[in-house]
Amino acid sequence: MDRVRFINHKGIEILLLDFSGCQAMEIFPIFNSAKSMISSRPHSSLLTLADVTGTQVNDTISQQVRSFTIHNKPYVKASAVVGVEGIKKVILGKVEIASKREFREFDTLEQAKDWLVEQK
């Protein structure tokens, strides 16, 4: 299964970034794959959904997430995230401040997808 892919929800395209169940070192290839896809899109055009359910994080990943989200800012119209709990809540708060972006948190992928299509 490809961890970076476009999905269609109610006729709207969403970029799914599937980090679910990843060990910390498995995240870097996902970032690299996603960066080229994201930067090939027009500014303020992307709806993104990150699933971080069961993902391991550490300080290095936290720094990489900030860099990744700053890189993506010009291309993203709205972002949703699923699976944010524990230390990931703290990291997400720091990422929002550093990137000057807002990430809407949801309990389920379906809730996140429904909200994203409303942002189009």
C-alpha atoms as a PDB file:
ATOM      1  CA  MET A   1       0.000   0.000   0.000  1.00  0.00           C
ATOM      2  CA  ASP A   2       1.334   3.395  -0.968  1.00  0.00           C
ATOM      3  CA  ARG A   3       1.527   5.692   2.048  1.00  0.00           C
ATOM      4  CA  VAL A   4       1.280   8.890   0.003  1.00  0.00           C
ATOM      5  CA  ARG A   5      -1.633   8.910  -2.388  1.00  0.00           C
ATOM      6  CA  PHE A   6      -4.572  10.895  -3.613  1.00  0.00           C
ATOM      7  CA  ILE A   7      -7.973   9.645  -2.562  1.00  0.00           C
ATOM      8  CA  ASN A   8     -11.359  10.791  -3.736  1.00  0.00           C
ATOM      9  CA  HIS A   9     -14.048  11.635  -1.206  1.00  0.00           C
ATOM     10  CA  LYS A  10     -17.408  12.880  -2.454  1.00  0.00           C
ATOM     11  CA  GLY A  11     -15.798  13.914  -5.729  1.00  0.00           C
ATOM     12  CA  ILE A  12     -13.013  15.920  -4.069  1.00  0.00           C
ATOM     13  CA  GLU A  13      -9.324  15.003  -4.211  1.00  0.00           C
ATOM     14  CA  ILE A  14      -7.483  14.677  -0.883  1.00  0.00           C
ATOM     15  CA  LEU A  15      -3.824  13.863  -0.404  1.00  0.00           C
ATOM     16  CA  LEU A  16      -3.580  11.104   2.199  1.00  0.00           C
ATOM     17  CA  LEU A  17      -0.335  10.901   4.160  1.00  0.00           C
ATOM     18  CA  ASP A  18      -0.517   7.540   5.891  1.00  0.00           C
ATOM     19  CA  PHE A  19       1.956   7.439   8.771  1.00  0.00           C
ATOM     20  CA  SER A  20      -0.175   4.976  10.743  1.00  0.00           C
ATOM     21  CA  GLY A  21       1.788   2.381  12.661  1.00  0.00           C
ATOM     22  CA  CYS A  22       5.154   3.711  11.481  1.00  0.00           C
ATOM     23  CA  GLN A  23       8.344   3.420  13.450  1.00  0.00           C
ATOM     24  CA  ALA A  24      10.231   6.713  13.630  1.00  0.00           C
ATOM     25  CA  MET A  25      12.714   5.900  10.844  1.00  0.00           C
ATOM     26  CA  GLU A  26       9.944   4.796   8.455  1.00  0.00           C
ATOM     27  CA  ILE A  27       8.621   8.356   8.368  1.00  0.00           C
ATOM     28  CA  PHE A  28      11.522   9.934   6.436  1.00  0.00           C
ATOM     29  CA  PRO A  29      10.810   8.141   3.119  1.00  0.00           C
ATOM     30  CA  ILE A  30       7.168   9.188   3.404  1.00  0.00           C
ATOM     31  CA  PHE A  31       8.207  12.835   3.798  1.00  0.00           C
ATOM     32  CA  ASN A  32      10.473  12.592   0.759  1.00  0.00           C
ATOM     33  CA  SER A  33       7.784  11.016  -1.397  1.00  0.00           C
ATOM     34  CA  ALA A  34       5.176  13.544  -0.298  1.00  0.00           C
ATOM     35  CA  LYS A  35       7.343  16.646  -0.816  1.00  0.00           C
ATOM     36  CA  SER A  36       7.638  16.177  -4.562  1.00  0.00           C
ATOM     37  CA  MET A  37       3.924  15.428  -4.948  1.00  0.00           C
ATOM     38  CA  ILE A  38       2.947  18.446  -2.887  1.00  0.00           C
ATOM     39  CA  SER A  39       5.294  20.932  -4.527  1.00  0.00           C
ATOM     40  CA  SER A  40       4.046  19.933  -7.985  1.00  0.00           C
ATOM     41  CA  ARG A  41       0.605  21.334  -7.168  1.00  0.00           C
ATOM     42  CA  PRO A  42      -0.659  24.921  -7.486  1.00  0.00           C
ATOM     43  CA  HIS A  43      -0.432  27.139  -4.422  1.00  0.00           C
ATOM     44  CA  SER A  44      -3.316  26.888  -1.934  1.00  0.00           C
ATOM     45  CA  SER A  45      -4.860  23.971  -3.794  1.00  0.00           C
ATOM     46  CA  LEU A  46      -4.279  20.877  -1.650  1.00  0.00           C
ATOM     47  CA  LEU A  47      -6.436  19.292   0.974  1.00  0.00           C
ATOM     48  CA  THR A  48      -4.249  17.031   3.104  1.00  0.00           C
ATOM     49  CA  LEU A  49      -5.092  14.307   5.570  1.00  0.00           C
ATOM     50  CA  ALA A  50      -2.406  12.820   7.817  1.00  0.00           C
ATOM     51  CA  ASP A  51      -3.076   9.615   9.733  1.00  0.00           C
ATOM     52  CA  VAL A  52      -0.621   9.368  12.634  1.00  0.00           C
ATOM     53  CA  THR A  53      -2.448   6.620  14.502  1.00  0.00           C
ATOM     54  CA  GLY A  54       0.064   4.446  16.341  1.00  0.00           C
ATOM     55  CA  THR A  55       3.047   6.311  14.936  1.00  0.00           C
ATOM     56  CA  GLN A  56       6.238   6.479  16.983  1.00  0.00           C
ATOM     57  CA  VAL A  57       7.735   9.943  17.374  1.00  0.00           C
ATOM     58  CA  ASN A  58      10.944  11.360  18.799  1.00  0.00           C
ATOM     59  CA  ASP A  59      12.823  14.682  18.782  1.00  0.00           C
ATOM     60  CA  THR A  60      14.297  14.086  15.327  1.00  0.00           C
ATOM     61  CA  ILE A  61      10.872  13.343  13.864  1.00  0.00           C
ATOM     62  CA  SER A  62       9.448  16.416  15.578  1.00  0.00           C
ATOM     63  CA  GLN A  63      12.043  18.618  13.861  1.00  0.00           C
ATOM     64  CA  GLN A  64      11.441  16.931  10.507  1.00  0.00           C
ATOM     65  CA  VAL A  65       7.672  17.400  10.821  1.00  0.00           C
ATOM     66  CA  ARG A  66       8.178  21.138  11.370  1.00  0.00           C
ATOM     67  CA  SER A  67      10.447  21.390   8.327  1.00  0.00           C
ATOM     68  CA  PHE A  68       8.033  19.320   6.237  1.00  0.00           C
ATOM     69  CA  THR A  69       5.003  21.440   7.128  1.00  0.00           C
ATOM     70  CA  ILE A  70       6.849  24.696   6.509  1.00  0.00           C
ATOM     71  CA  HIS A  71       7.859  23.402   3.067  1.00  0.00           C
ATOM     72  CA  ASN A  72       4.251  22.469   2.272  1.00  0.00           C
ATOM     73  CA  LYS A  73       2.557  25.628   3.517  1.00  0.00           C
ATOM     74  CA  PRO A  74       2.264  27.425   0.142  1.00  0.00           C
ATOM     75  CA  TYR A  75       0.502  24.473  -1.483  1.00  0.00           C
ATOM     76  CA  VAL A  76      -1.999  23.497   1.206  1.00  0.00           C
ATOM     77  CA  LYS A  77      -5.472  24.936   1.538  1.00  0.00           C
ATOM     78  CA  ALA A  78      -6.596  22.843   4.545  1.00  0.00           C
ATOM     79  CA  SER A  79      -5.125  20.060   6.661  1.00  0.00           C
ATOM     80  CA  ALA A  80      -6.700  17.435   8.859  1.00  0.00           C
ATOM     81  CA  VAL A  81      -5.004  14.916  11.109  1.00  0.00           C
ATOM     82  CA  VAL A  82      -6.181  11.711  12.778  1.00  0.00           C
ATOM     83  CA  GLY A  83      -4.558   9.808  15.647  1.00  0.00           C
ATOM     84  CA  VAL A  84      -3.074  12.685  17.625  1.00  0.00           C
ATOM     85  CA  GLU A  85      -2.653  11.650  21.241  1.00  0.00           C
ATOM     86  CA  GLY A  86      -0.108  11.946  24.012  1.00  0.00           C
ATOM     87  CA  ILE A  87       3.177  13.556  23.008  1.00  0.00           C
ATOM     88  CA  LYS A  88       1.889  13.948  19.450  1.00  0.00           C
ATOM     89  CA  LYS A  89      -0.472  16.669  20.731  1.00  0.00           C
ATOM     90  CA  VAL A  90       2.506  18.635  22.043  1.00  0.00           C
ATOM     91  CA  ILE A  91       4.412  18.144  18.792  1.00  0.00           C
ATOM     92  CA  LEU A  92       1.402  19.210  16.717  1.00  0.00           C
ATOM     93  CA  GLY A  93       1.091  22.410  18.759  1.00  0.00           C
ATOM     94  CA  LYS A  94       4.750  23.238  18.150  1.00  0.00           C
ATOM     95  CA  VAL A  95       4.388  22.432  14.448  1.00  0.00           C
ATOM     96  CA  GLU A  96       1.389  24.751  14.145  1.00  0.00           C
ATOM     97  CA  ILE A  97       3.342  27.601  15.719  1.00  0.00           C
ATOM     98  CA  ALA A  98       6.507  27.032  13.674  1.00  0.00           C
ATOM     99  CA  SER A  99       4.718  26.582  10.350  1.00  0.00           C
ATOM    100  CA  LYS A 100       1.980  29.150  10.985  1.00  0.00           C
ATOM    101  CA  ARG A 101      -0.525  26.537   9.849  1.00  0.00           C
ATOM    102  CA  GLU A 102      -3.619  25.082  11.447  1.00  0.00           C
ATOM    103  CA  PHE A 103      -4.271  21.353  11.582  1.00  0.00           C
ATOM    104  CA  ARG A 104      -7.780  20.206  12.411  1.00  0.00           C
ATOM    105  CA  GLU A 105      -7.810  17.081  14.608  1.00  0.00           C
ATOM    106  CA  PHE A 106     -10.372  14.319  14.175  1.00  0.00           C
ATOM    107  CA  ASP A 107     -11.114  10.970  15.773  1.00  0.00           C
ATOM    108  CA  THR A 108     -11.753   9.143  12.497  1.00  0.00           C
ATOM    109  CA  LEU A 109     -10.648   9.303   8.882  1.00  0.00           C
ATOM    110  CA  GLU A 110     -14.266   9.676   7.752  1.00  0.00           C
ATOM    111  CA  GLN A 111     -14.813  12.729   9.965  1.00  0.00           C
ATOM    112  CA  ALA A 112     -11.595  14.270   8.648  1.00  0.00           C
ATOM    113  CA  LYS A 113     -12.489  13.592   5.003  1.00  0.00           C
ATOM    114  CA  ASP A 114     -15.983  15.049   5.442  1.00  0.00           C
ATOM    115  CA  TRP A 115     -14.532  18.228   6.975  1.00  0.00           C
ATOM    116  CA  LEU A 116     -11.895  18.555   4.248  1.00  0.00           C
ATOM    117  CA  VAL A 117     -14.408  18.402   1.400  1.00  0.00           C
ATOM    118  CA  GLU A 118     -16.303  21.233   3.078  1.00  0.00           C
ATOM    119  CA  GLN A 119     -13.117  23.356   2.853  1.00  0.00           C
ATOM    120  CA  LYS A 120     -12.899  23.089  -0.927  1.00  0.00           C
END
